[in-house]
N, C-alpha and C. Protein backbone atom coordinates (compact mmCIF):
# COMPACT_ATOMS: atom_id res chain seq x y z
N MET A 1 2.47 -20.36 6.16
CA MET A 1 3.25 -18.92 6.05
C MET A 1 2.94 -17.96 7.53
N ALA A 2 3.68 -17.57 7.94
CA ALA A 2 3.88 -16.81 9.36
C ALA A 2 2.76 -15.50 9.15
N ASP A 3 1.93 -15.54 10.26
CA ASP A 3 1.11 -14.19 10.23
C ASP A 3 1.75 -12.83 10.09
N LYS A 4 1.08 -12.25 9.34
CA LYS A 4 1.60 -10.75 8.90
C LYS A 4 1.50 -10.03 9.96
N PRO A 5 2.17 -8.77 10.28
CA PRO A 5 2.06 -7.69 11.45
C PRO A 5 0.42 -7.28 11.30
N SER A 6 0.10 -6.93 12.42
CA SER A 6 -1.46 -6.49 12.39
C SER A 6 -1.89 -5.36 11.86
N PRO A 7 -1.03 -4.07 12.16
CA PRO A 7 -1.63 -3.01 11.44
C PRO A 7 -1.31 -2.85 9.74
N VAL A 8 -2.57 -2.51 9.14
CA VAL A 8 -2.53 -2.42 8.02
C VAL A 8 -2.40 -1.12 7.41
N LEU A 9 -1.62 -0.54 6.58
CA LEU A 9 -1.78 1.04 6.07
C LEU A 9 -3.03 0.96 5.16
N LEU A 10 -3.80 2.04 5.76
CA LEU A 10 -5.04 2.35 4.92
C LEU A 10 -5.03 3.63 4.00
N GLY A 11 -4.27 4.64 4.38
CA GLY A 11 -3.97 5.88 3.85
C GLY A 11 -3.08 6.70 4.65
N THR A 12 -2.89 7.97 3.86
CA THR A 12 -1.93 9.01 4.32
C THR A 12 -2.73 10.11 4.35
N ILE A 13 -2.32 11.01 5.40
CA ILE A 13 -2.88 12.43 5.13
C ILE A 13 -1.83 13.36 4.76
N GLY A 14 -2.39 14.09 3.49
CA GLY A 14 -1.71 14.85 3.05
C GLY A 14 -2.08 16.56 3.56
N ALA A 15 -1.92 17.38 2.42
CA ALA A 15 -2.13 18.83 2.80
C ALA A 15 -3.39 18.75 3.37
N ALA A 16 -3.26 20.53 3.69
CA ALA A 16 -4.59 20.91 4.45
C ALA A 16 -5.23 21.33 3.56
N HIS A 17 -6.64 21.21 3.55
CA HIS A 17 -7.47 21.76 2.50
C HIS A 17 -8.71 22.84 3.26
N GLY A 18 -8.36 24.08 2.60
CA GLY A 18 -9.25 25.17 3.48
C GLY A 18 -8.69 25.73 4.12
N ILE A 19 -9.32 26.19 5.30
CA ILE A 19 -9.21 27.03 6.47
C ILE A 19 -10.09 26.43 7.59
N LYS A 20 -10.83 25.51 7.48
CA LYS A 20 -11.56 24.95 8.43
C LYS A 20 -10.96 23.58 9.22
N GLY A 21 -9.81 23.51 8.79
CA GLY A 21 -9.38 22.30 9.25
C GLY A 21 -9.45 20.79 8.75
N GLU A 22 -9.86 20.98 7.30
CA GLU A 22 -9.90 19.83 6.53
C GLU A 22 -8.81 19.36 6.08
N VAL A 23 -8.41 17.94 5.72
CA VAL A 23 -7.09 17.50 5.02
C VAL A 23 -7.42 16.87 4.11
N ARG A 24 -6.71 16.39 3.11
CA ARG A 24 -6.54 15.54 1.73
C ARG A 24 -6.01 14.13 2.53
N ILE A 25 -6.69 13.11 1.93
CA ILE A 25 -6.15 11.74 2.43
C ILE A 25 -6.03 11.05 1.31
N ASN A 26 -4.91 10.65 1.18
CA ASN A 26 -4.59 9.53 -0.17
C ASN A 26 -5.13 7.92 0.49
N SER A 27 -6.36 7.81 0.03
CA SER A 27 -6.76 6.42 0.59
C SER A 27 -6.56 5.04 -0.15
N HIS A 28 -5.76 4.22 0.55
CA HIS A 28 -5.40 3.13 -0.15
C HIS A 28 -6.44 1.64 -0.24
N THR A 29 -7.87 2.42 -0.04
CA THR A 29 -8.83 1.56 0.33
C THR A 29 -9.28 1.39 -1.35
N GLN A 30 -10.08 0.28 -1.59
CA GLN A 30 -10.60 -0.02 -3.06
C GLN A 30 -11.45 1.26 -3.45
N ASP A 31 -12.59 1.47 -2.30
CA ASP A 31 -13.30 2.73 -2.35
C ASP A 31 -12.72 3.77 -1.75
N PRO A 32 -12.35 4.87 -2.12
CA PRO A 32 -11.56 5.74 -1.22
C PRO A 32 -12.34 6.18 -0.01
N GLU A 33 -13.59 6.32 -0.10
CA GLU A 33 -14.41 6.78 1.10
C GLU A 33 -14.65 5.95 2.25
N ALA A 34 -14.29 4.40 1.83
CA ALA A 34 -14.53 3.32 2.83
C ALA A 34 -13.44 3.63 4.20
N ILE A 35 -12.37 4.50 3.85
CA ILE A 35 -11.39 4.61 5.04
C ILE A 35 -12.60 5.06 6.57
N ALA A 36 -13.28 5.98 6.08
CA ALA A 36 -13.98 6.74 7.20
C ALA A 36 -14.85 5.79 7.83
N HIS A 37 -14.98 4.53 7.42
CA HIS A 37 -15.90 3.42 8.08
C HIS A 37 -15.30 2.59 8.86
N TYR A 38 -13.86 2.96 9.20
CA TYR A 38 -13.18 1.68 10.06
C TYR A 38 -12.93 2.30 11.43
N GLY A 39 -13.64 3.70 11.68
CA GLY A 39 -13.53 3.90 13.24
C GLY A 39 -12.14 4.67 13.34
N PRO A 40 -12.01 4.90 14.71
CA PRO A 40 -10.68 5.44 15.21
C PRO A 40 -9.52 4.75 14.61
N LEU A 41 -8.34 5.61 13.59
CA LEU A 41 -7.58 4.71 13.23
C LEU A 41 -6.04 5.05 13.75
N ALA A 42 -5.41 4.16 13.90
CA ALA A 42 -3.86 4.30 14.32
C ALA A 42 -3.05 5.04 13.27
N THR A 43 -2.00 5.56 14.22
CA THR A 43 -1.28 6.39 13.07
C THR A 43 0.18 5.93 13.42
N ASN A 44 1.05 6.52 12.67
CA ASN A 44 2.76 6.46 12.80
C ASN A 44 3.06 7.31 13.87
N ARG A 45 2.39 8.27 14.59
CA ARG A 45 2.71 9.07 15.70
C ARG A 45 2.45 8.82 16.88
N PRO A 46 3.29 8.49 17.82
CA PRO A 46 2.84 7.69 19.15
C PRO A 46 2.08 8.41 19.87
N GLY A 47 0.84 7.48 20.29
CA GLY A 47 -0.30 8.44 21.00
C GLY A 47 -1.40 9.01 20.07
N LEU A 48 -1.48 9.05 19.02
CA LEU A 48 -2.26 9.96 17.91
C LEU A 48 -3.11 9.00 17.41
N THR A 49 -4.25 8.88 17.64
CA THR A 49 -5.36 8.10 16.84
C THR A 49 -6.29 9.40 16.39
N VAL A 50 -6.79 8.76 14.95
CA VAL A 50 -7.37 9.83 14.11
C VAL A 50 -8.84 9.14 13.77
N THR A 51 -9.91 9.86 14.00
CA THR A 51 -11.12 9.54 13.64
C THR A 51 -11.89 10.34 12.57
N ILE A 52 -12.15 9.81 11.46
CA ILE A 52 -12.92 10.74 10.51
C ILE A 52 -14.04 10.96 10.48
N GLU A 53 -14.74 12.23 10.69
CA GLU A 53 -16.05 12.69 11.06
C GLU A 53 -16.89 12.64 9.69
N ALA A 54 -16.17 13.15 8.83
CA ALA A 54 -16.83 13.00 7.40
C ALA A 54 -15.99 13.09 6.30
N ALA A 55 -16.34 12.61 5.41
CA ALA A 55 -15.42 12.83 4.13
C ALA A 55 -16.23 12.68 2.85
N ARG A 56 -15.69 13.34 1.71
CA ARG A 56 -16.27 13.45 0.53
C ARG A 56 -15.23 13.22 -0.52
N LEU A 57 -15.28 12.71 -1.55
CA LEU A 57 -14.58 12.60 -2.93
C LEU A 57 -14.62 13.94 -3.75
N ASN A 58 -13.31 14.25 -3.82
CA ASN A 58 -13.09 15.68 -4.50
C ASN A 58 -12.15 15.37 -5.85
N LYS A 59 -12.54 14.85 -6.92
CA LYS A 59 -11.86 14.36 -8.27
C LYS A 59 -11.06 12.95 -7.64
N ASN A 60 -9.80 13.11 -7.60
CA ASN A 60 -8.98 11.76 -7.05
C ASN A 60 -8.47 11.87 -5.70
N VAL A 61 -8.98 12.88 -5.02
CA VAL A 61 -8.43 12.77 -3.58
C VAL A 61 -9.62 12.70 -2.55
N LEU A 62 -9.42 12.38 -1.25
CA LEU A 62 -10.50 12.50 -0.49
C LEU A 62 -10.47 13.63 0.60
N ILE A 63 -11.32 14.35 0.82
CA ILE A 63 -11.34 15.59 1.44
C ILE A 63 -12.13 14.99 2.84
N ALA A 64 -11.44 15.20 4.14
CA ALA A 64 -11.93 14.75 5.27
C ALA A 64 -11.91 15.73 6.48
N ARG A 65 -12.57 15.60 7.40
CA ARG A 65 -12.66 16.68 8.55
C ARG A 65 -12.62 15.54 9.54
N LEU A 66 -11.61 15.87 10.40
CA LEU A 66 -11.23 15.00 11.57
C LEU A 66 -11.52 15.58 12.72
N LYS A 67 -11.96 14.42 13.83
CA LYS A 67 -12.37 14.83 15.06
C LYS A 67 -11.37 15.46 15.80
N GLY A 68 -11.74 16.69 16.10
CA GLY A 68 -10.61 17.53 17.05
C GLY A 68 -9.79 18.59 16.11
N ILE A 69 -10.37 18.90 14.93
CA ILE A 69 -9.02 19.35 14.01
C ILE A 69 -10.27 20.31 13.53
N GLY A 70 -9.83 21.53 14.12
CA GLY A 70 -11.12 22.98 13.64
C GLY A 70 -10.41 23.93 12.89
N ASP A 71 -8.88 23.85 12.55
CA ASP A 71 -8.46 25.02 11.78
C ASP A 71 -7.31 24.36 10.96
N ARG A 72 -6.76 25.37 10.10
CA ARG A 72 -5.78 24.92 8.91
C ARG A 72 -4.44 24.85 9.74
N ASN A 73 -4.07 25.53 10.73
CA ASN A 73 -2.66 25.08 11.26
C ASN A 73 -2.80 23.68 12.13
N ALA A 74 -3.72 23.35 12.78
CA ALA A 74 -3.83 21.71 13.47
C ALA A 74 -3.65 20.98 11.89
N ALA A 75 -4.34 21.24 10.93
CA ALA A 75 -4.56 20.32 9.96
C ALA A 75 -3.17 19.91 9.53
N GLU A 76 -2.42 21.24 8.93
CA GLU A 76 -1.23 21.04 8.49
C GLU A 76 -0.10 20.51 9.21
N ALA A 77 -0.24 20.05 10.61
CA ALA A 77 0.44 19.44 11.37
C ALA A 77 0.45 18.11 11.19
N LEU A 78 -0.67 17.49 10.82
CA LEU A 78 -1.04 16.28 10.47
C LEU A 78 -0.46 15.49 9.14
N ASN A 79 0.02 16.63 8.11
CA ASN A 79 0.52 16.27 6.85
C ASN A 79 1.64 15.24 6.75
N GLY A 80 1.57 14.17 6.25
CA GLY A 80 2.34 12.85 6.27
C GLY A 80 1.92 12.03 7.18
N VAL A 81 1.16 11.88 8.15
CA VAL A 81 0.62 11.00 9.28
C VAL A 81 0.09 9.68 8.19
N ALA A 82 0.49 8.50 8.67
CA ALA A 82 0.02 7.54 8.12
C ALA A 82 -1.20 6.93 8.85
N LEU A 83 -2.10 6.34 8.36
CA LEU A 83 -3.20 5.82 9.19
C LEU A 83 -3.31 4.16 8.86
N TYR A 84 -3.46 3.60 9.95
CA TYR A 84 -3.54 2.22 10.35
C TYR A 84 -4.66 1.72 10.62
N VAL A 85 -5.26 0.46 10.25
CA VAL A 85 -6.12 -0.17 10.96
C VAL A 85 -5.72 -1.63 11.24
N GLU A 86 -6.18 -2.30 12.15
CA GLU A 86 -5.80 -3.62 12.78
C GLU A 86 -6.35 -4.51 11.84
N ARG A 87 -5.56 -5.59 11.39
CA ARG A 87 -5.76 -6.54 10.19
C ARG A 87 -7.32 -6.81 10.53
N ASP A 88 -7.53 -7.65 11.63
CA ASP A 88 -9.06 -8.37 11.96
C ASP A 88 -10.05 -7.45 11.58
N GLN A 89 -9.97 -5.92 11.51
CA GLN A 89 -11.09 -5.51 10.90
C GLN A 89 -11.25 -5.18 9.41
N LEU A 90 -10.26 -5.69 9.03
CA LEU A 90 -10.72 -6.00 7.37
C LEU A 90 -11.44 -6.90 7.03
N PRO A 91 -12.20 -7.00 5.99
CA PRO A 91 -12.94 -7.80 5.45
C PRO A 91 -11.98 -9.19 4.64
N GLU A 92 -12.91 -10.31 5.08
CA GLU A 92 -12.06 -11.25 4.38
C GLU A 92 -12.23 -11.18 2.82
N ILE A 93 -11.23 -11.56 2.07
CA ILE A 93 -10.95 -11.71 0.59
C ILE A 93 -11.44 -12.82 0.22
N GLU A 94 -12.44 -12.80 -0.59
CA GLU A 94 -13.17 -14.10 -1.28
C GLU A 94 -12.57 -14.20 -2.42
N ASP A 95 -12.22 -13.65 -3.55
CA ASP A 95 -11.47 -13.67 -4.92
C ASP A 95 -10.44 -14.21 -4.58
N GLU A 96 -9.74 -15.58 -5.31
CA GLU A 96 -8.34 -15.89 -5.49
C GLU A 96 -7.43 -14.54 -6.06
N ASP A 97 -8.00 -13.97 -6.77
CA ASP A 97 -7.20 -12.98 -7.53
C ASP A 97 -6.80 -11.73 -6.98
N ASP A 98 -7.56 -11.60 -5.58
CA ASP A 98 -7.47 -10.17 -4.95
C ASP A 98 -6.38 -10.55 -3.92
N PHE A 99 -5.65 -9.36 -3.55
CA PHE A 99 -4.81 -9.40 -2.21
C PHE A 99 -4.73 -7.99 -1.42
N TYR A 100 -4.56 -8.16 -0.19
CA TYR A 100 -4.02 -7.00 0.42
C TYR A 100 -2.53 -6.91 0.05
N HIS A 101 -2.21 -5.60 -0.23
CA HIS A 101 -0.98 -5.07 -0.46
C HIS A 101 0.09 -5.75 0.69
N ALA A 102 -0.46 -5.31 2.01
CA ALA A 102 0.32 -6.03 3.06
C ALA A 102 0.84 -7.73 3.07
N ASP A 103 -0.25 -8.22 2.26
CA ASP A 103 0.08 -9.75 2.18
C ASP A 103 1.45 -10.10 1.23
N LEU A 104 1.36 -9.43 0.49
CA LEU A 104 2.73 -9.60 -0.74
C LEU A 104 3.84 -9.27 -0.01
N ILE A 105 3.84 -7.78 0.88
CA ILE A 105 5.26 -7.65 1.42
C ILE A 105 5.79 -8.66 2.03
N GLY A 106 7.20 -8.83 1.69
CA GLY A 106 8.02 -10.09 2.33
C GLY A 106 7.79 -11.33 1.56
N LEU A 107 6.91 -11.44 0.41
CA LEU A 107 7.07 -13.16 -0.39
C LEU A 107 8.25 -13.16 -1.04
N ASP A 108 8.77 -14.41 -1.24
CA ASP A 108 9.74 -14.55 -1.93
C ASP A 108 9.40 -14.26 -3.43
N ALA A 109 10.42 -13.63 -4.31
CA ALA A 109 9.77 -13.32 -5.54
C ALA A 109 10.79 -14.39 -6.57
N GLN A 110 10.36 -15.14 -7.27
CA GLN A 110 11.03 -16.22 -8.01
C GLN A 110 10.52 -16.19 -9.51
N LEU A 111 11.80 -16.33 -10.07
CA LEU A 111 11.47 -16.54 -11.52
C LEU A 111 10.88 -17.79 -12.01
N ASP A 112 10.03 -17.83 -13.04
CA ASP A 112 9.21 -19.19 -13.33
C ASP A 112 10.17 -20.71 -13.26
N SER A 113 11.52 -20.38 -13.21
CA SER A 113 12.28 -21.47 -13.20
C SER A 113 12.26 -21.88 -11.50
N GLY A 114 12.08 -20.96 -10.79
CA GLY A 114 12.33 -21.50 -9.33
C GLY A 114 13.31 -20.66 -8.88
N VAL A 115 14.26 -20.17 -9.33
CA VAL A 115 15.40 -19.27 -9.00
C VAL A 115 14.68 -18.03 -8.23
N SER A 116 15.06 -17.85 -6.72
CA SER A 116 14.76 -16.85 -6.26
C SER A 116 15.45 -15.48 -6.61
N ILE A 117 14.85 -14.46 -6.68
CA ILE A 117 15.73 -13.08 -7.11
C ILE A 117 15.17 -12.03 -6.30
N GLY A 118 14.69 -12.57 -5.01
CA GLY A 118 14.74 -11.33 -3.85
C GLY A 118 13.05 -11.62 -3.07
N ALA A 119 12.97 -10.53 -2.73
CA ALA A 119 11.64 -10.53 -1.90
C ALA A 119 10.90 -9.21 -1.88
N VAL A 120 9.58 -9.38 -2.24
CA VAL A 120 8.74 -8.31 -2.39
C VAL A 120 9.11 -7.14 -1.14
N SER A 121 9.43 -5.95 -1.47
CA SER A 121 9.68 -5.05 -0.44
C SER A 121 8.78 -3.90 -0.32
N ALA A 122 8.08 -3.50 -1.52
CA ALA A 122 7.20 -2.48 -1.36
C ALA A 122 5.99 -2.64 -2.75
N ILE A 123 5.26 -1.78 -2.67
CA ILE A 123 4.24 -1.80 -3.81
C ILE A 123 3.80 -0.38 -4.07
N TYR A 124 4.15 0.11 -4.95
CA TYR A 124 3.76 1.57 -5.37
C TYR A 124 2.55 1.38 -6.36
N ASP A 125 1.59 2.66 -6.09
CA ASP A 125 0.64 2.91 -6.79
C ASP A 125 0.86 4.35 -7.48
N HIS A 126 1.36 4.67 -8.86
CA HIS A 126 1.33 5.79 -9.31
C HIS A 126 0.42 6.25 -10.12
N GLY A 127 -0.76 5.50 -10.30
CA GLY A 127 -2.22 6.01 -10.88
C GLY A 127 -2.28 4.91 -12.29
N ALA A 128 -1.03 4.42 -12.55
CA ALA A 128 -1.41 3.82 -14.19
C ALA A 128 -1.36 2.35 -13.96
N GLY A 129 -1.17 1.72 -12.32
CA GLY A 129 -1.15 0.50 -12.27
C GLY A 129 -0.12 0.21 -11.07
N ASP A 130 -0.32 -0.76 -10.13
CA ASP A 130 0.34 -0.99 -9.33
C ASP A 130 1.94 -1.54 -9.60
N ILE A 131 3.08 -1.18 -8.99
CA ILE A 131 4.39 -1.72 -9.27
C ILE A 131 4.88 -2.63 -8.23
N LEU A 132 5.61 -3.36 -8.27
CA LEU A 132 6.19 -4.18 -7.16
C LEU A 132 7.54 -3.93 -7.28
N GLU A 133 8.16 -3.90 -5.84
CA GLU A 133 9.76 -3.54 -5.68
C GLU A 133 10.26 -4.76 -4.77
N VAL A 134 11.26 -5.74 -5.74
CA VAL A 134 11.78 -6.58 -5.14
C VAL A 134 13.17 -6.31 -4.84
N ARG A 135 13.46 -6.70 -3.55
CA ARG A 135 15.28 -6.41 -3.20
C ARG A 135 15.80 -7.39 -3.16
N ASP A 136 17.34 -7.34 -4.06
CA ASP A 136 17.92 -8.54 -3.98
C ASP A 136 18.48 -8.58 -2.62
N PRO A 137 18.68 -9.63 -1.62
CA PRO A 137 19.43 -9.89 -0.39
C PRO A 137 20.77 -9.53 -0.33
N LEU A 138 21.51 -9.86 -1.52
CA LEU A 138 22.83 -9.99 -1.63
C LEU A 138 23.43 -8.47 -1.81
N SER A 139 22.88 -7.95 -3.03
CA SER A 139 23.42 -7.06 -3.29
C SER A 139 22.71 -5.57 -2.81
N GLY A 140 21.42 -5.80 -2.55
CA GLY A 140 20.22 -4.72 -1.99
C GLY A 140 19.85 -3.65 -2.79
N ASP A 141 20.23 -4.35 -4.18
CA ASP A 141 19.58 -3.51 -5.24
C ASP A 141 18.04 -3.87 -5.42
N THR A 142 17.56 -2.93 -5.95
CA THR A 142 16.01 -3.23 -6.09
C THR A 142 15.46 -3.36 -7.41
N PHE A 143 14.66 -4.14 -7.80
CA PHE A 143 14.19 -4.02 -9.17
C PHE A 143 12.42 -3.71 -9.24
N LEU A 144 12.00 -3.11 -10.15
CA LEU A 144 10.63 -2.98 -10.30
C LEU A 144 9.73 -3.76 -11.30
N TYR A 145 8.74 -4.24 -11.11
CA TYR A 145 8.02 -4.74 -12.14
C TYR A 145 6.66 -4.14 -12.06
N PRO A 146 5.82 -4.53 -13.14
CA PRO A 146 4.60 -3.99 -13.27
C PRO A 146 3.92 -5.29 -12.66
N PHE A 147 2.90 -4.90 -11.58
CA PHE A 147 2.24 -5.75 -10.98
C PHE A 147 0.54 -6.25 -12.03
N THR A 148 1.01 -6.90 -12.96
CA THR A 148 0.13 -7.34 -13.85
C THR A 148 0.01 -9.21 -13.64
N LYS A 149 -1.19 -9.38 -14.38
CA LYS A 149 -1.27 -10.89 -14.43
C LYS A 149 -0.14 -11.52 -15.59
N ALA A 150 0.55 -10.65 -16.54
CA ALA A 150 1.38 -11.36 -17.33
C ALA A 150 2.72 -11.09 -16.69
N VAL A 151 2.96 -10.41 -15.83
CA VAL A 151 4.34 -10.41 -15.25
C VAL A 151 4.52 -10.91 -14.16
N VAL A 152 3.08 -11.00 -13.08
CA VAL A 152 3.26 -11.67 -11.90
C VAL A 152 2.18 -12.72 -12.05
N PRO A 153 2.36 -13.92 -12.89
CA PRO A 153 1.10 -14.85 -13.14
C PRO A 153 0.92 -15.65 -12.00
N ASP A 154 1.57 -15.85 -10.86
CA ASP A 154 1.19 -16.98 -9.89
C ASP A 154 1.82 -16.26 -8.55
N ILE A 155 0.64 -16.50 -7.61
CA ILE A 155 0.93 -15.64 -6.09
C ILE A 155 0.31 -16.72 -5.20
N ARG A 156 1.23 -17.22 -4.42
CA ARG A 156 0.94 -18.34 -3.63
C ARG A 156 1.43 -17.94 -2.15
N LEU A 157 0.18 -17.09 -1.61
CA LEU A 157 0.50 -16.59 -0.29
C LEU A 157 0.91 -17.78 0.80
N ALA A 158 0.06 -19.00 0.59
CA ALA A 158 0.45 -19.92 1.86
C ALA A 158 1.77 -20.48 1.54
N ASP A 159 2.33 -20.35 0.40
CA ASP A 159 3.63 -21.13 0.47
C ASP A 159 4.70 -19.96 0.49
N GLY A 160 4.09 -18.62 0.87
CA GLY A 160 5.42 -17.54 0.90
C GLY A 160 6.03 -17.20 -0.42
N TYR A 161 5.31 -17.28 -1.75
CA TYR A 161 6.18 -16.68 -2.65
C TYR A 161 5.34 -16.16 -3.73
N LEU A 162 5.67 -15.62 -4.60
CA LEU A 162 5.10 -15.61 -6.12
C LEU A 162 6.01 -15.51 -7.20
N VAL A 163 5.61 -15.65 -8.53
CA VAL A 163 6.17 -15.98 -9.83
C VAL A 163 6.42 -14.57 -10.47
N ILE A 164 7.48 -14.26 -10.95
CA ILE A 164 7.81 -13.22 -11.76
C ILE A 164 8.23 -13.51 -13.06
N VAL A 165 7.54 -12.87 -14.47
CA VAL A 165 8.18 -13.19 -15.64
C VAL A 165 8.61 -11.98 -15.86
N PRO A 166 10.02 -11.52 -15.87
CA PRO A 166 10.29 -10.44 -16.25
C PRO A 166 9.89 -9.93 -17.56
N PRO A 167 9.48 -8.80 -17.96
CA PRO A 167 8.98 -8.41 -19.27
C PRO A 167 10.13 -8.26 -20.05
N LEU A 168 10.06 -8.40 -21.59
CA LEU A 168 11.10 -8.45 -22.51
C LEU A 168 12.22 -9.53 -22.34
N ASP A 169 11.93 -10.32 -21.41
CA ASP A 169 12.97 -11.45 -20.99
C ASP A 169 14.01 -10.89 -20.37
N ALA A 170 14.07 -9.33 -19.85
CA ALA A 170 15.23 -9.18 -19.25
C ALA A 170 15.25 -9.49 -17.35
N GLU A 171 16.62 -10.20 -17.36
CA GLU A 171 16.43 -10.92 -15.96
C GLU A 171 17.01 -9.88 -15.21
N PRO A 172 16.85 -10.11 -13.96
CA PRO A 172 17.30 -8.89 -13.01
C PRO A 172 18.79 -8.82 -12.63
N GLY A 173 19.28 -7.60 -12.90
CA GLY A 173 20.72 -7.42 -12.84
C GLY A 173 21.12 -7.32 -14.45
N GLU A 174 20.49 -7.78 -15.20
CA GLU A 174 21.10 -7.31 -16.57
C GLU A 174 20.77 -5.86 -17.24
N GLU A 175 21.62 -5.70 -17.97
CA GLU A 175 21.57 -4.19 -18.52
C GLU A 175 20.68 -4.30 -19.71
N GLU A 176 19.92 -3.32 -19.96
CA GLU A 176 18.86 -3.30 -21.11
C GLU A 176 19.79 -2.86 -22.37
N PRO A 177 19.66 -3.51 -23.65
CA PRO A 177 20.64 -3.41 -24.81
C PRO A 177 20.41 -1.95 -25.27
N ASP A 178 21.50 -1.43 -25.81
CA ASP A 178 21.46 0.10 -26.33
C ASP A 178 20.82 -0.03 -27.57
């Protein structure tokens, strides 16, 4: 399998928090506070790097103080900034059932019969569990599947594909019965 692009998305800065320049961060790390330990983070804004000086968990959001950000206006200007780290800074995965989301993007999605139904184009986490988005290359349509062991029983990173068993025997492109 070809090497994945080096930068990996670790989180996204959200709204300002308070008046002293703190921001909310939607962290994609397993331990939300771990994002603060990766050092300077690259961003999706040219020339901007972000260093988290302090972070604390407040319910389900990370509140962070960033180096050089001292007031609410500066914090508000960072809303929506994506935070990245180079791939080689991430720990190696030891469990075969664990994956970095970045590793799954681009994998061929196949039915258990071996028929390709598209490629994994995104992974979403809306709180109740991850969802895989698979894009059909011919129609451009996208299909969403729960990222569970029952629906995605086999992931073959080295071979470049994963197997999807659609729930309720609904095949991609089929209408659900009325």
